[in-house]
């Protein structure tokens, strides 16, 4: 059971690293080719939702950043 959870965590870690790489590539392509895939616009909408939530949104964003830095 423990080995299965460890394997699942490794797969999820690999998938998350791949998604982060794809977001970075999407941002670079968006900058170079006028946001063809809409990645920059999507990130802008997510940031706007955090901003619209006021203090709770800022607090949630801070928690996400602190959680990300621990890994």
N, C-alpha and C. Protein backbone atom coordinates (compact mmCIF):
# COMPACT_ATOMS: atom_id res chain seq x y z
N UNK A 1 0.82 -1.19 0.00
CA UNK A 1 0.00 0.00 0.00
C UNK A 1 0.87 1.26 0.00
N UNK A 2 1.90 1.26 0.83
CA UNK A 2 2.80 2.42 0.91
C UNK A 2 3.54 2.63 -0.40
N UNK A 3 3.93 1.53 -1.03
CA UNK A 3 4.62 1.64 -2.33
C UNK A 3 3.69 2.21 -3.40
N UNK A 4 2.42 1.84 -3.34
CA UNK A 4 1.44 2.36 -4.30
C UNK A 4 1.26 3.86 -4.14
N UNK A 5 1.19 4.33 -2.91
CA UNK A 5 1.04 5.77 -2.66
C UNK A 5 2.30 6.51 -3.10
N UNK A 6 3.45 5.91 -2.85
CA UNK A 6 4.71 6.53 -3.26
C UNK A 6 4.79 6.63 -4.78
N UNK A 7 4.37 5.58 -5.47
CA UNK A 7 4.37 5.59 -6.94
C UNK A 7 3.39 6.64 -7.47
N UNK A 8 2.22 6.72 -6.86
CA UNK A 8 1.23 7.71 -7.28
C UNK A 8 1.77 9.13 -7.09
N UNK A 9 2.43 9.39 -5.97
CA UNK A 9 3.02 10.71 -5.73
C UNK A 9 4.09 11.04 -6.76
N UNK A 10 4.88 10.05 -7.16
CA UNK A 10 5.90 10.28 -8.17
C UNK A 10 5.26 10.62 -9.52
N UNK A 11 4.20 9.89 -9.88
CA UNK A 11 3.49 10.17 -11.14
C UNK A 11 2.87 11.56 -11.12
N UNK A 12 2.23 11.91 -10.01
CA UNK A 12 1.62 13.23 -9.91
C UNK A 12 2.68 14.32 -9.96
N UNK A 13 3.81 14.10 -9.32
CA UNK A 13 4.90 15.07 -9.38
C UNK A 13 5.41 15.27 -10.80
N UNK A 14 5.54 14.17 -11.52
CA UNK A 14 5.98 14.25 -12.92
C UNK A 14 4.94 14.99 -13.77
N UNK A 15 3.66 14.68 -13.57
CA UNK A 15 2.61 15.35 -14.33
C UNK A 15 2.57 16.84 -14.03
N UNK A 16 2.76 17.22 -12.78
CA UNK A 16 2.75 18.64 -12.41
C UNK A 16 3.94 19.36 -13.02
N UNK A 17 5.10 18.73 -13.01
CA UNK A 17 6.27 19.33 -13.64
C UNK A 17 6.05 19.53 -15.14
N UNK A 18 5.41 18.57 -15.78
CA UNK A 18 5.10 18.69 -17.20
C UNK A 18 4.12 19.84 -17.44
N UNK A 19 3.09 19.96 -16.60
CA UNK A 19 2.12 21.05 -16.76
C UNK A 19 2.77 22.41 -16.54
N UNK A 20 3.68 22.51 -15.57
CA UNK A 20 4.38 23.77 -15.35
C UNK A 20 5.21 24.14 -16.58
N UNK A 21 5.87 23.16 -17.16
CA UNK A 21 6.66 23.41 -18.36
C UNK A 21 5.79 23.87 -19.51
N UNK A 22 4.62 23.25 -19.65
CA UNK A 22 3.70 23.63 -20.72
C UNK A 22 3.17 25.05 -20.53
N UNK A 23 2.92 25.45 -19.28
CA UNK A 23 2.46 26.81 -19.02
C UNK A 23 3.55 27.81 -19.39
N UNK A 24 4.79 27.49 -19.04
CA UNK A 24 5.90 28.39 -19.38
C UNK A 24 6.05 28.50 -20.89
N UNK A 25 5.97 27.38 -21.59
CA UNK A 25 6.05 27.40 -23.05
C UNK A 25 4.87 28.19 -23.62
N UNK A 26 3.69 28.01 -23.05
CA UNK A 26 2.52 28.76 -23.51
C UNK A 26 2.68 30.25 -23.32
N UNK A 27 3.28 30.66 -22.20
CA UNK A 27 3.51 32.08 -21.97
C UNK A 27 4.52 32.64 -22.97
N UNK A 28 5.59 31.89 -23.21
CA UNK A 28 6.60 32.34 -24.17
C UNK A 28 6.01 32.44 -25.57
N UNK A 29 5.24 31.44 -25.97
CA UNK A 29 4.59 31.47 -27.29
C UNK A 29 3.59 32.63 -27.35
N UNK A 30 2.87 32.87 -26.24
CA UNK A 30 1.92 33.97 -26.20
C UNK A 30 2.61 35.31 -26.35
N UNK A 31 3.77 35.46 -25.75
CA UNK A 31 4.51 36.72 -25.88
C UNK A 31 5.02 36.89 -27.31
N UNK A 32 5.54 35.83 -27.88
CA UNK A 32 6.13 35.92 -29.22
C UNK A 32 5.09 36.01 -30.33
N UNK A 33 3.95 35.31 -30.17
CA UNK A 33 2.99 35.20 -31.26
C UNK A 33 1.60 35.69 -30.87
N UNK A 34 1.52 36.72 -30.06
CA UNK A 34 0.26 37.39 -29.74
C UNK A 34 -0.75 36.48 -29.06
N UNK A 35 -0.33 35.72 -28.07
CA UNK A 35 -1.19 34.89 -27.21
C UNK A 35 -2.13 34.00 -28.04
N UNK A 36 -1.54 33.20 -28.91
CA UNK A 36 -2.29 32.33 -29.82
C UNK A 36 -3.18 31.34 -29.08
N UNK A 37 -2.70 30.77 -27.97
CA UNK A 37 -3.45 29.76 -27.23
C UNK A 37 -4.26 30.33 -26.08
N UNK A 38 -4.14 31.61 -25.78
CA UNK A 38 -4.91 32.24 -24.72
C UNK A 38 -4.38 31.98 -23.31
N UNK A 39 -3.12 31.57 -23.20
CA UNK A 39 -2.55 31.25 -21.89
C UNK A 39 -2.42 32.52 -21.04
N UNK A 40 -1.93 33.59 -21.62
CA UNK A 40 -1.74 34.82 -20.87
C UNK A 40 -3.09 35.39 -20.44
N UNK A 41 -4.07 35.32 -21.31
CA UNK A 41 -5.42 35.79 -20.96
C UNK A 41 -6.02 34.96 -19.83
N UNK A 42 -5.79 33.65 -19.86
CA UNK A 42 -6.29 32.78 -18.79
C UNK A 42 -5.64 33.08 -17.45
N UNK A 43 -4.33 33.30 -17.47
CA UNK A 43 -3.64 33.66 -16.23
C UNK A 43 -4.12 35.01 -15.71
N UNK A 44 -4.41 35.92 -16.63
CA UNK A 44 -4.93 37.23 -16.24
C UNK A 44 -6.29 37.11 -15.57
N UNK A 45 -7.14 36.22 -16.09
CA UNK A 45 -8.47 36.00 -15.48
C UNK A 45 -8.34 35.40 -14.09
N UNK A 46 -7.41 34.47 -13.92
CA UNK A 46 -7.20 33.86 -12.60
C UNK A 46 -6.73 34.91 -11.61
N UNK A 47 -5.78 35.75 -12.02
CA UNK A 47 -5.28 36.80 -11.12
C UNK A 47 -6.39 37.81 -10.81
N UNK A 48 -7.26 38.09 -11.77
CA UNK A 48 -8.36 39.02 -11.53
C UNK A 48 -9.34 38.44 -10.50
N UNK A 49 -9.55 37.14 -10.54
CA UNK A 49 -10.43 36.51 -9.55
C UNK A 49 -9.84 36.62 -8.16
N UNK A 50 -8.54 36.45 -8.02
CA UNK A 50 -7.90 36.64 -6.71
C UNK A 50 -8.06 38.09 -6.26
N UNK A 51 -7.89 39.02 -7.17
CA UNK A 51 -8.02 40.43 -6.83
C UNK A 51 -9.44 40.82 -6.47
N UNK A 52 -10.42 40.24 -7.15
CA UNK A 52 -11.83 40.55 -6.86
C UNK A 52 -12.26 40.03 -5.50
N UNK A 53 -11.58 39.03 -4.99
CA UNK A 53 -11.96 38.44 -3.71
C UNK A 53 -11.46 39.28 -2.53
N UNK A 54 -10.71 40.35 -2.81
CA UNK A 54 -10.22 41.22 -1.75
C UNK A 54 -9.17 40.55 -0.89
N UNK A 55 -9.27 40.78 0.42
CA UNK A 55 -8.26 40.26 1.35
C UNK A 55 -8.23 38.74 1.34
N UNK A 56 -9.39 38.10 1.22
CA UNK A 56 -9.42 36.63 1.19
C UNK A 56 -8.67 36.09 -0.03
N UNK A 57 -8.78 36.77 -1.16
CA UNK A 57 -8.05 36.35 -2.35
C UNK A 57 -6.55 36.50 -2.20
N UNK A 58 -6.14 37.61 -1.60
CA UNK A 58 -4.71 37.83 -1.37
C UNK A 58 -4.18 36.79 -0.39
N UNK A 59 -4.95 36.51 0.66
CA UNK A 59 -4.55 35.51 1.64
C UNK A 59 -4.43 34.13 0.99
N UNK A 60 -5.39 33.78 0.14
CA UNK A 60 -5.34 32.49 -0.55
C UNK A 60 -4.13 32.41 -1.47
N UNK A 61 -3.84 33.50 -2.16
CA UNK A 61 -2.68 33.52 -3.04
C UNK A 61 -1.39 33.37 -2.25
N UNK A 62 -1.30 34.04 -1.09
CA UNK A 62 -0.12 33.92 -0.24
C UNK A 62 0.06 32.49 0.26
N UNK A 63 -1.05 31.83 0.62
CA UNK A 63 -0.98 30.44 1.09
C UNK A 63 -0.48 29.53 -0.04
N UNK A 64 -0.99 29.75 -1.24
CA UNK A 64 -0.54 28.94 -2.38
C UNK A 64 0.94 29.13 -2.65
N UNK A 65 1.41 30.36 -2.58
CA UNK A 65 2.83 30.63 -2.84
C UNK A 65 3.69 29.99 -1.75
N UNK A 66 3.28 30.12 -0.48
CA UNK A 66 4.06 29.51 0.60
C UNK A 66 4.07 28.00 0.47
N UNK A 67 2.93 27.40 0.07
CA UNK A 67 2.85 25.96 -0.10
C UNK A 67 3.75 25.51 -1.25
N UNK A 68 3.78 26.29 -2.31
CA UNK A 68 4.61 25.95 -3.47
C UNK A 68 6.09 26.03 -3.12
N UNK A 69 6.48 27.02 -2.32
CA UNK A 69 7.90 27.19 -1.99
C UNK A 69 8.42 26.08 -1.10
N UNK A 70 7.55 25.42 -0.34
CA UNK A 70 7.99 24.34 0.54
C UNK A 70 8.39 23.10 -0.23
N UNK A 71 7.87 22.91 -1.42
CA UNK A 71 8.15 21.70 -2.19
C UNK A 71 9.44 21.78 -2.89
